[in-house]
N, C-alpha and C. Protein backbone atom coordinates (compact mmCIF):
# COMPACT_ATOMS: atom_id res chain seq x y z
N MET A 1 6.60 -29.61 -46.43
CA MET A 1 7.15 -28.27 -46.56
C MET A 1 7.53 -27.77 -45.17
N LYS A 2 8.73 -27.22 -45.05
CA LYS A 2 9.21 -26.72 -43.78
C LYS A 2 9.03 -25.21 -43.74
N ASN A 3 8.50 -24.71 -42.67
CA ASN A 3 8.40 -23.26 -42.51
C ASN A 3 8.79 -22.88 -41.09
N LYS A 4 9.02 -21.60 -40.89
CA LYS A 4 9.50 -21.13 -39.59
C LYS A 4 8.42 -20.37 -38.83
N TYR A 5 7.19 -20.53 -39.21
CA TYR A 5 6.11 -19.78 -38.58
C TYR A 5 5.58 -20.53 -37.36
N SER A 6 5.21 -19.75 -36.35
CA SER A 6 4.68 -20.36 -35.13
C SER A 6 3.17 -20.47 -35.21
N ILE A 7 2.65 -21.44 -34.51
CA ILE A 7 1.21 -21.65 -34.43
C ILE A 7 0.83 -21.51 -32.96
N HIS A 8 -0.10 -20.60 -32.69
CA HIS A 8 -0.59 -20.42 -31.33
C HIS A 8 -1.92 -21.15 -31.21
N ILE A 9 -2.08 -21.89 -30.14
CA ILE A 9 -3.32 -22.65 -29.95
C ILE A 9 -3.90 -22.35 -28.57
N VAL A 10 -5.20 -22.09 -28.55
CA VAL A 10 -5.90 -21.81 -27.30
C VAL A 10 -7.26 -22.51 -27.32
N TRP A 11 -7.81 -22.72 -26.14
CA TRP A 11 -9.17 -23.25 -26.03
C TRP A 11 -10.14 -22.08 -26.09
N SER A 12 -11.20 -22.21 -26.85
CA SER A 12 -12.22 -21.18 -26.95
C SER A 12 -13.52 -21.69 -26.35
N ASP A 13 -13.93 -21.07 -25.22
CA ASP A 13 -15.22 -21.45 -24.62
C ASP A 13 -16.36 -21.07 -25.57
N GLU A 14 -16.20 -19.94 -26.24
CA GLU A 14 -17.24 -19.47 -27.16
C GLU A 14 -17.48 -20.46 -28.29
N ASP A 15 -16.38 -20.98 -28.87
CA ASP A 15 -16.50 -21.93 -29.99
C ASP A 15 -16.56 -23.38 -29.53
N ASP A 16 -16.26 -23.61 -28.26
CA ASP A 16 -16.25 -24.94 -27.68
C ASP A 16 -15.28 -25.87 -28.41
N CYS A 17 -14.10 -25.33 -28.72
CA CYS A 17 -13.07 -26.12 -29.40
C CYS A 17 -11.73 -25.39 -29.28
N PHE A 18 -10.67 -26.05 -29.76
CA PHE A 18 -9.37 -25.41 -29.82
C PHE A 18 -9.32 -24.54 -31.07
N VAL A 19 -8.63 -23.40 -30.95
CA VAL A 19 -8.46 -22.49 -32.08
C VAL A 19 -6.96 -22.24 -32.25
N ALA A 20 -6.49 -22.43 -33.48
CA ALA A 20 -5.08 -22.19 -33.80
C ALA A 20 -4.99 -20.97 -34.70
N THR A 21 -4.02 -20.11 -34.41
CA THR A 21 -3.76 -18.94 -35.25
C THR A 21 -2.28 -18.87 -35.57
N ILE A 22 -1.96 -18.18 -36.65
CA ILE A 22 -0.57 -17.98 -37.05
C ILE A 22 -0.35 -16.47 -37.05
N PRO A 23 0.47 -15.94 -36.12
CA PRO A 23 0.62 -14.49 -35.96
C PRO A 23 0.98 -13.75 -37.25
N GLU A 24 1.80 -14.36 -38.09
CA GLU A 24 2.23 -13.68 -39.33
C GLU A 24 1.13 -13.66 -40.39
N PHE A 25 0.12 -14.49 -40.22
CA PHE A 25 -1.00 -14.58 -41.16
C PHE A 25 -2.29 -14.37 -40.36
N PRO A 26 -2.64 -13.12 -40.06
CA PRO A 26 -3.77 -12.86 -39.16
C PRO A 26 -5.12 -13.38 -39.66
N ASN A 27 -5.26 -13.64 -40.96
CA ASN A 27 -6.54 -14.12 -41.48
C ASN A 27 -6.66 -15.63 -41.50
N LEU A 28 -5.62 -16.32 -41.07
CA LEU A 28 -5.65 -17.79 -41.05
C LEU A 28 -5.96 -18.29 -39.65
N SER A 29 -6.80 -19.31 -39.58
CA SER A 29 -7.06 -19.98 -38.31
C SER A 29 -7.56 -21.38 -38.60
N ALA A 30 -7.51 -22.20 -37.58
CA ALA A 30 -8.01 -23.58 -37.69
C ALA A 30 -8.69 -23.93 -36.38
N PHE A 31 -9.64 -24.83 -36.46
CA PHE A 31 -10.42 -25.25 -35.29
C PHE A 31 -10.38 -26.76 -35.17
N GLY A 32 -10.46 -27.27 -33.94
CA GLY A 32 -10.49 -28.71 -33.76
C GLY A 32 -10.86 -29.12 -32.36
N ASP A 33 -11.22 -30.39 -32.23
CA ASP A 33 -11.61 -30.93 -30.93
C ASP A 33 -10.41 -31.27 -30.05
N THR A 34 -9.25 -31.53 -30.68
CA THR A 34 -8.03 -31.82 -29.92
C THR A 34 -6.93 -30.89 -30.36
N ARG A 35 -5.92 -30.73 -29.51
CA ARG A 35 -4.78 -29.88 -29.87
C ARG A 35 -4.10 -30.41 -31.14
N GLU A 36 -3.92 -31.72 -31.15
CA GLU A 36 -3.20 -32.33 -32.27
C GLU A 36 -3.93 -32.11 -33.59
N ALA A 37 -5.24 -32.33 -33.60
CA ALA A 37 -6.02 -32.14 -34.83
C ALA A 37 -6.00 -30.68 -35.26
N THR A 38 -6.09 -29.78 -34.29
CA THR A 38 -6.11 -28.36 -34.59
C THR A 38 -4.76 -27.91 -35.17
N ILE A 39 -3.69 -28.39 -34.58
CA ILE A 39 -2.35 -28.03 -35.09
C ILE A 39 -2.16 -28.61 -36.49
N GLY A 40 -2.60 -29.85 -36.71
CA GLY A 40 -2.49 -30.46 -38.04
C GLY A 40 -3.26 -29.65 -39.08
N ASP A 41 -4.48 -29.23 -38.75
CA ASP A 41 -5.27 -28.42 -39.68
C ASP A 41 -4.61 -27.07 -39.92
N ALA A 42 -4.06 -26.48 -38.87
CA ALA A 42 -3.39 -25.18 -39.02
C ALA A 42 -2.17 -25.30 -39.93
N GLN A 43 -1.42 -26.39 -39.79
CA GLN A 43 -0.26 -26.59 -40.66
C GLN A 43 -0.68 -26.74 -42.12
N GLN A 44 -1.78 -27.45 -42.35
CA GLN A 44 -2.28 -27.60 -43.73
C GLN A 44 -2.71 -26.26 -44.31
N VAL A 45 -3.45 -25.48 -43.51
CA VAL A 45 -3.92 -24.17 -43.97
C VAL A 45 -2.72 -23.26 -44.25
N LEU A 46 -1.72 -23.30 -43.37
CA LEU A 46 -0.53 -22.48 -43.55
C LEU A 46 0.22 -22.89 -44.82
N GLU A 47 0.40 -24.18 -45.05
CA GLU A 47 1.09 -24.64 -46.25
C GLU A 47 0.36 -24.21 -47.52
N MET A 48 -0.96 -24.29 -47.50
CA MET A 48 -1.73 -23.86 -48.67
C MET A 48 -1.59 -22.36 -48.89
N ALA A 49 -1.57 -21.58 -47.81
CA ALA A 49 -1.41 -20.13 -47.94
C ALA A 49 -0.03 -19.79 -48.49
N ILE A 50 1.00 -20.46 -47.99
CA ILE A 50 2.37 -20.21 -48.47
C ILE A 50 2.47 -20.57 -49.95
N GLU A 51 1.93 -21.73 -50.35
CA GLU A 51 1.96 -22.14 -51.76
C GLU A 51 1.24 -21.12 -52.64
N SER A 52 0.11 -20.63 -52.18
CA SER A 52 -0.67 -19.66 -52.95
C SER A 52 0.10 -18.34 -53.11
N LEU A 53 0.69 -17.86 -52.03
CA LEU A 53 1.45 -16.61 -52.10
C LEU A 53 2.66 -16.75 -53.03
N GLU A 54 3.38 -17.87 -52.89
CA GLU A 54 4.55 -18.09 -53.74
C GLU A 54 4.14 -18.21 -55.21
N ARG A 55 3.05 -18.91 -55.49
CA ARG A 55 2.56 -19.07 -56.86
C ARG A 55 2.20 -17.72 -57.46
N ASP A 56 1.65 -16.81 -56.64
CA ASP A 56 1.25 -15.49 -57.13
C ASP A 56 2.39 -14.48 -57.08
N GLY A 57 3.56 -14.93 -56.65
CA GLY A 57 4.72 -14.05 -56.62
C GLY A 57 4.70 -13.03 -55.49
N ILE A 58 3.95 -13.32 -54.47
CA ILE A 58 3.86 -12.40 -53.32
C ILE A 58 4.85 -12.87 -52.26
N SER A 59 5.62 -11.92 -51.72
CA SER A 59 6.62 -12.30 -50.72
C SER A 59 5.95 -12.70 -49.41
N LEU A 60 6.58 -13.65 -48.75
CA LEU A 60 6.06 -14.16 -47.49
C LEU A 60 6.42 -13.22 -46.35
N PRO A 61 5.56 -13.13 -45.32
CA PRO A 61 5.88 -12.27 -44.18
C PRO A 61 7.07 -12.81 -43.40
N GLU A 62 7.77 -11.90 -42.74
CA GLU A 62 8.88 -12.30 -41.88
C GLU A 62 8.35 -13.13 -40.71
N SER A 63 9.09 -14.13 -40.34
CA SER A 63 8.71 -14.97 -39.21
C SER A 63 8.87 -14.20 -37.91
N LYS A 64 7.88 -14.28 -37.06
CA LYS A 64 7.96 -13.68 -35.73
C LYS A 64 8.29 -14.74 -34.70
N ASN A 65 8.76 -15.86 -35.16
CA ASN A 65 8.98 -17.03 -34.33
C ASN A 65 10.15 -16.83 -33.38
N THR A 66 9.90 -16.10 -32.31
CA THR A 66 10.90 -15.95 -31.25
C THR A 66 10.25 -16.38 -29.95
N LEU A 67 11.02 -17.01 -29.12
CA LEU A 67 10.50 -17.42 -27.83
C LEU A 67 10.31 -16.19 -26.97
N PRO A 68 9.33 -16.19 -26.10
CA PRO A 68 9.03 -15.00 -25.30
C PRO A 68 10.23 -14.46 -24.53
N PHE A 69 11.08 -15.33 -23.99
CA PHE A 69 12.21 -14.85 -23.20
C PHE A 69 13.33 -14.30 -24.08
N GLN A 70 13.27 -14.51 -25.39
CA GLN A 70 14.30 -13.96 -26.26
C GLN A 70 14.10 -12.47 -26.52
N LYS A 71 12.95 -11.94 -26.18
CA LYS A 71 12.67 -10.53 -26.40
C LYS A 71 13.25 -9.65 -25.31
N HIS A 72 13.59 -10.24 -24.16
CA HIS A 72 14.03 -9.46 -23.01
C HIS A 72 15.36 -10.00 -22.49
N SER A 73 16.13 -9.13 -21.89
CA SER A 73 17.46 -9.51 -21.42
C SER A 73 17.40 -10.30 -20.11
N GLY A 74 16.32 -10.15 -19.36
CA GLY A 74 16.24 -10.82 -18.06
C GLY A 74 16.76 -9.93 -16.95
N GLN A 75 17.10 -8.71 -17.28
CA GLN A 75 17.59 -7.77 -16.29
C GLN A 75 16.65 -6.57 -16.24
N VAL A 76 16.40 -6.10 -15.01
CA VAL A 76 15.54 -4.94 -14.81
C VAL A 76 16.20 -4.04 -13.78
N ARG A 77 16.21 -2.76 -14.07
CA ARG A 77 16.69 -1.81 -13.06
C ARG A 77 15.45 -1.31 -12.33
N LEU A 78 15.47 -1.45 -11.02
CA LEU A 78 14.29 -1.18 -10.22
C LEU A 78 14.61 -0.17 -9.13
N ARG A 79 13.79 0.85 -9.01
CA ARG A 79 13.93 1.82 -7.92
C ARG A 79 12.84 1.52 -6.88
N MET A 80 13.24 1.63 -5.61
CA MET A 80 12.28 1.36 -4.53
C MET A 80 12.69 2.18 -3.32
N PRO A 81 11.77 2.34 -2.39
CA PRO A 81 12.12 3.05 -1.15
C PRO A 81 13.23 2.32 -0.39
N LYS A 82 14.07 3.09 0.28
CA LYS A 82 15.18 2.48 1.04
C LYS A 82 14.67 1.50 2.08
N SER A 83 13.53 1.82 2.68
CA SER A 83 12.99 0.94 3.72
C SER A 83 12.60 -0.43 3.13
N LEU A 84 12.01 -0.44 1.95
CA LEU A 84 11.65 -1.71 1.31
C LEU A 84 12.91 -2.48 0.91
N HIS A 85 13.91 -1.76 0.38
CA HIS A 85 15.17 -2.39 0.01
C HIS A 85 15.80 -3.05 1.23
N ASN A 86 15.80 -2.34 2.35
CA ASN A 86 16.37 -2.86 3.59
C ASN A 86 15.61 -4.09 4.07
N GLU A 87 14.28 -4.02 4.03
CA GLU A 87 13.46 -5.15 4.47
C GLU A 87 13.70 -6.38 3.60
N LEU A 88 13.71 -6.19 2.28
CA LEU A 88 13.94 -7.32 1.36
C LEU A 88 15.33 -7.92 1.57
N ALA A 89 16.33 -7.04 1.74
CA ALA A 89 17.70 -7.52 1.95
C ALA A 89 17.80 -8.31 3.26
N SER A 90 17.12 -7.85 4.30
CA SER A 90 17.15 -8.55 5.60
C SER A 90 16.54 -9.94 5.48
N VAL A 91 15.40 -10.03 4.81
CA VAL A 91 14.75 -11.34 4.65
C VAL A 91 15.65 -12.28 3.83
N ALA A 92 16.22 -11.76 2.75
CA ALA A 92 17.10 -12.58 1.90
C ALA A 92 18.28 -13.09 2.71
N GLU A 93 18.84 -12.23 3.53
CA GLU A 93 20.00 -12.63 4.35
C GLU A 93 19.59 -13.72 5.35
N ARG A 94 18.45 -13.56 6.00
CA ARG A 94 17.96 -14.57 6.95
C ARG A 94 17.74 -15.92 6.26
N GLU A 95 17.27 -15.88 5.01
CA GLU A 95 17.00 -17.12 4.28
C GLU A 95 18.23 -17.66 3.57
N GLY A 96 19.33 -16.92 3.62
CA GLY A 96 20.58 -17.39 3.04
C GLY A 96 20.60 -17.37 1.51
N VAL A 97 19.88 -16.42 0.92
CA VAL A 97 19.88 -16.28 -0.54
C VAL A 97 20.23 -14.84 -0.89
N SER A 98 20.57 -14.65 -2.14
CA SER A 98 20.89 -13.30 -2.57
C SER A 98 19.61 -12.46 -2.64
N LEU A 99 19.77 -11.15 -2.56
CA LEU A 99 18.63 -10.25 -2.69
C LEU A 99 17.95 -10.47 -4.04
N ASN A 100 18.75 -10.63 -5.07
CA ASN A 100 18.20 -10.86 -6.41
C ASN A 100 17.34 -12.12 -6.44
N MET A 101 17.86 -13.21 -5.88
CA MET A 101 17.12 -14.47 -5.88
C MET A 101 15.84 -14.36 -5.06
N HIS A 102 15.91 -13.66 -3.93
CA HIS A 102 14.73 -13.47 -3.09
C HIS A 102 13.65 -12.69 -3.85
N MET A 103 14.05 -11.63 -4.55
CA MET A 103 13.09 -10.82 -5.30
C MET A 103 12.49 -11.61 -6.46
N VAL A 104 13.29 -12.41 -7.14
CA VAL A 104 12.77 -13.26 -8.22
C VAL A 104 11.76 -14.25 -7.66
N SER A 105 12.06 -14.81 -6.49
CA SER A 105 11.14 -15.75 -5.85
C SER A 105 9.81 -15.07 -5.52
N LEU A 106 9.87 -13.86 -4.95
CA LEU A 106 8.65 -13.13 -4.62
C LEU A 106 7.83 -12.79 -5.87
N LEU A 107 8.52 -12.35 -6.91
CA LEU A 107 7.82 -12.01 -8.15
C LEU A 107 7.18 -13.25 -8.76
N SER A 108 7.89 -14.37 -8.73
CA SER A 108 7.34 -15.62 -9.27
C SER A 108 6.11 -16.06 -8.50
N LYS A 109 6.19 -16.02 -7.18
CA LYS A 109 5.04 -16.40 -6.35
C LYS A 109 3.85 -15.50 -6.63
N ASN A 110 4.10 -14.20 -6.75
CA ASN A 110 3.02 -13.26 -7.03
C ASN A 110 2.42 -13.52 -8.41
N ASN A 111 3.27 -13.81 -9.37
CA ASN A 111 2.79 -14.09 -10.73
C ASN A 111 1.91 -15.34 -10.73
N ILE A 112 2.35 -16.38 -10.06
CA ILE A 112 1.57 -17.61 -9.98
C ILE A 112 0.25 -17.35 -9.26
N ALA A 113 0.31 -16.59 -8.17
CA ALA A 113 -0.91 -16.27 -7.41
C ALA A 113 -1.89 -15.49 -8.30
N THR A 114 -1.37 -14.57 -9.10
CA THR A 114 -2.23 -13.79 -9.99
C THR A 114 -2.89 -14.69 -11.02
N ILE A 115 -2.13 -15.60 -11.60
CA ILE A 115 -2.68 -16.53 -12.59
C ILE A 115 -3.76 -17.40 -11.96
N ILE A 116 -3.47 -17.93 -10.78
CA ILE A 116 -4.44 -18.78 -10.08
C ILE A 116 -5.68 -17.98 -9.72
N SER A 117 -5.49 -16.76 -9.25
CA SER A 117 -6.62 -15.90 -8.88
C SER A 117 -7.51 -15.62 -10.08
N ARG A 118 -6.90 -15.33 -11.23
CA ARG A 118 -7.69 -15.09 -12.44
C ARG A 118 -8.46 -16.34 -12.83
N ASP A 119 -7.83 -17.50 -12.71
CA ASP A 119 -8.50 -18.75 -13.04
C ASP A 119 -9.66 -19.01 -12.09
N ILE A 120 -9.44 -18.77 -10.80
CA ILE A 120 -10.52 -18.95 -9.82
C ILE A 120 -11.66 -17.99 -10.12
N ASP A 121 -11.33 -16.72 -10.40
CA ASP A 121 -12.37 -15.74 -10.74
C ASP A 121 -13.17 -16.19 -11.95
N SER A 122 -12.47 -16.67 -12.96
CA SER A 122 -13.14 -17.12 -14.18
C SER A 122 -14.07 -18.29 -13.89
N GLN A 123 -13.57 -19.27 -13.13
CA GLN A 123 -14.39 -20.44 -12.79
C GLN A 123 -15.58 -20.04 -11.91
N PHE A 124 -15.35 -19.11 -10.98
CA PHE A 124 -16.42 -18.65 -10.11
C PHE A 124 -17.50 -17.93 -10.92
N ASN A 125 -17.08 -17.08 -11.85
CA ASN A 125 -18.05 -16.38 -12.70
C ASN A 125 -18.86 -17.36 -13.55
N LYS A 126 -18.20 -18.40 -14.05
CA LYS A 126 -18.91 -19.42 -14.82
C LYS A 126 -19.93 -20.14 -13.94
N LEU A 127 -19.53 -20.43 -12.70
CA LEU A 127 -20.42 -21.09 -11.76
C LEU A 127 -21.63 -20.21 -11.46
N LEU A 128 -21.39 -18.92 -11.21
CA LEU A 128 -22.50 -18.00 -10.94
C LEU A 128 -23.44 -17.92 -12.13
N GLU A 129 -22.87 -17.84 -13.32
CA GLU A 129 -23.70 -17.79 -14.53
C GLU A 129 -24.53 -19.06 -14.66
N HIS A 130 -23.89 -20.19 -14.41
CA HIS A 130 -24.58 -21.49 -14.50
C HIS A 130 -25.71 -21.56 -13.47
N GLN A 131 -25.43 -21.13 -12.24
CA GLN A 131 -26.45 -21.13 -11.20
C GLN A 131 -27.60 -20.19 -11.57
N GLY A 132 -27.26 -19.02 -12.11
CA GLY A 132 -28.29 -18.07 -12.53
C GLY A 132 -29.21 -18.67 -13.57
N GLN A 133 -28.64 -19.44 -14.49
CA GLN A 133 -29.46 -20.10 -15.51
C GLN A 133 -30.38 -21.12 -14.86
N HIS A 134 -29.85 -21.88 -13.89
CA HIS A 134 -30.68 -22.88 -13.21
C HIS A 134 -31.80 -22.22 -12.42
N PHE A 135 -31.49 -21.11 -11.73
CA PHE A 135 -32.52 -20.42 -10.96
C PHE A 135 -33.60 -19.86 -11.87
N SER A 136 -33.22 -19.35 -13.03
CA SER A 136 -34.21 -18.84 -13.98
C SER A 136 -35.14 -19.96 -14.44
N ILE A 137 -34.56 -21.09 -14.74
CA ILE A 137 -35.36 -22.24 -15.18
C ILE A 137 -36.27 -22.69 -14.04
N LEU A 138 -35.74 -22.74 -12.82
CA LEU A 138 -36.52 -23.17 -11.66
C LEU A 138 -37.68 -22.20 -11.42
N ARG A 139 -37.42 -20.88 -11.47
CA ARG A 139 -38.49 -19.90 -11.28
C ARG A 139 -39.56 -20.05 -12.36
N ARG A 140 -39.13 -20.24 -13.60
CA ARG A 140 -40.08 -20.41 -14.70
C ARG A 140 -40.93 -21.67 -14.50
N ASN A 141 -40.30 -22.76 -14.09
CA ASN A 141 -41.03 -24.01 -13.85
C ASN A 141 -42.02 -23.86 -12.70
N ILE A 142 -41.61 -23.19 -11.64
CA ILE A 142 -42.52 -22.97 -10.50
C ILE A 142 -43.70 -22.11 -10.93
N SER A 143 -43.42 -21.06 -11.68
CA SER A 143 -44.48 -20.18 -12.16
C SER A 143 -45.45 -20.95 -13.06
N GLN A 144 -44.91 -21.77 -13.95
CA GLN A 144 -45.77 -22.56 -14.84
C GLN A 144 -46.60 -23.55 -14.03
N GLN A 145 -45.99 -24.15 -13.03
CA GLN A 145 -46.72 -25.12 -12.19
C GLN A 145 -47.83 -24.42 -11.42
N GLN A 146 -47.54 -23.22 -10.88
CA GLN A 146 -48.56 -22.48 -10.15
C GLN A 146 -49.71 -22.10 -11.08
N SER A 147 -49.40 -21.66 -12.28
CA SER A 147 -50.44 -21.31 -13.25
C SER A 147 -51.29 -22.53 -13.59
N GLN A 148 -50.62 -23.65 -13.78
CA GLN A 148 -51.34 -24.88 -14.10
C GLN A 148 -52.21 -25.31 -12.92
N ASP A 149 -51.68 -25.20 -11.70
CA ASP A 149 -52.45 -25.55 -10.51
C ASP A 149 -53.67 -24.64 -10.36
N ASP A 150 -53.48 -23.33 -10.63
CA ASP A 150 -54.58 -22.38 -10.54
C ASP A 150 -55.67 -22.72 -11.55
N LEU A 151 -55.27 -23.08 -12.78
CA LEU A 151 -56.24 -23.44 -13.81
C LEU A 151 -57.01 -24.69 -13.42
N GLU A 152 -56.29 -25.70 -12.94
CA GLU A 152 -56.94 -26.94 -12.53
C GLU A 152 -57.90 -26.70 -11.38
N SER A 153 -57.48 -25.88 -10.43
CA SER A 153 -58.31 -25.58 -9.27
C SER A 153 -59.57 -24.81 -9.69
N SER A 154 -59.42 -23.84 -10.56
CA SER A 154 -60.57 -23.05 -10.98
C SER A 154 -61.53 -23.87 -11.84
N SER A 155 -61.01 -24.79 -12.63
CA SER A 155 -61.90 -25.60 -13.46
C SER A 155 -62.65 -26.63 -12.61
N ARG A 156 -62.06 -27.12 -11.53
CA ARG A 156 -62.73 -28.05 -10.62
C ARG A 156 -63.88 -27.38 -9.89
N HIS A 157 -63.70 -26.09 -9.58
CA HIS A 157 -64.71 -25.37 -8.81
C HIS A 157 -65.57 -24.47 -9.67
N GLY A 158 -65.37 -24.48 -10.95
CA GLY A 158 -66.16 -23.65 -11.85
C GLY A 158 -65.93 -22.17 -11.64
N TRP A 159 -64.67 -21.79 -11.42
CA TRP A 159 -64.36 -20.40 -11.11
C TRP A 159 -63.71 -19.66 -12.25
N SER A 160 -63.76 -20.15 -13.43
CA SER A 160 -63.04 -19.51 -14.52
C SER A 160 -63.53 -18.08 -14.70
N GLY A 161 -62.58 -17.19 -14.89
CA GLY A 161 -62.90 -15.79 -15.15
C GLY A 161 -63.18 -14.98 -13.90
N ARG A 162 -63.12 -15.54 -12.72
CA ARG A 162 -63.37 -14.81 -11.48
C ARG A 162 -62.06 -14.57 -10.75
N SER A 163 -62.05 -13.57 -9.92
CA SER A 163 -60.87 -13.31 -9.10
C SER A 163 -60.84 -14.29 -7.95
N GLN A 164 -59.68 -14.43 -7.30
CA GLN A 164 -59.58 -15.34 -6.17
C GLN A 164 -60.49 -14.88 -5.03
N LYS A 165 -60.64 -13.55 -4.86
CA LYS A 165 -61.51 -13.04 -3.80
C LYS A 165 -62.95 -13.46 -4.04
N GLN A 166 -63.41 -13.34 -5.31
CA GLN A 166 -64.77 -13.77 -5.65
C GLN A 166 -64.92 -15.26 -5.43
N ASN A 167 -63.89 -16.04 -5.79
CA ASN A 167 -63.93 -17.48 -5.61
C ASN A 167 -64.05 -17.84 -4.13
N LYS A 168 -63.30 -17.15 -3.27
CA LYS A 168 -63.36 -17.41 -1.84
C LYS A 168 -64.74 -17.06 -1.28
N GLN A 169 -65.29 -15.94 -1.79
CA GLN A 169 -66.65 -15.56 -1.35
C GLN A 169 -67.65 -16.63 -1.75
N GLN A 170 -67.48 -17.21 -2.92
CA GLN A 170 -68.40 -18.25 -3.38
C GLN A 170 -68.33 -19.46 -2.45
N ILE A 171 -67.10 -19.78 -2.01
CA ILE A 171 -66.93 -20.93 -1.11
C ILE A 171 -67.65 -20.64 0.21
N ILE A 172 -67.52 -19.44 0.73
CA ILE A 172 -68.13 -19.08 2.01
C ILE A 172 -69.66 -19.13 1.90
N ILE A 173 -70.20 -18.67 0.79
CA ILE A 173 -71.64 -18.63 0.58
C ILE A 173 -72.22 -20.03 0.52
N HIS A 174 -71.56 -20.93 -0.12
CA HIS A 174 -72.09 -22.31 -0.28
C HIS A 174 -71.99 -23.00 1.01
């Protein structure tokens, strides 16, 4: 069955798998270990939903299947201070490109830098969380080891139920 609906696929850290959704059918989703398996499952779920709707005489939703760049003309009217306009135009002239091309280049670089920065922040936060978990485990293990050492020490010296100060006094007395 051929349909015109798009399938969006993303990785979910929470679910630890790929998740596919169909924008026109917000209640449909599919999960999988690989992109291919997830897309295949999503297509099956979508086909079953379409068959069910058609069988029940319910009209299908309009396809939202448009590429992101088809929504915009690619032109923007931009106001800026004259000093910034002059500076940008001077740099573009020195580099031998149009002002438009120079501004597109700057915007692209900034966009890429923003994406990379977000990815670095995300990875750094995951690392901090992971380290925090390790430190918690390490502190718990040290505490358990100290408690165990204290118990073993007190049982060797017959100090159960006494404070460390009383135990030290007992050592001094003997």
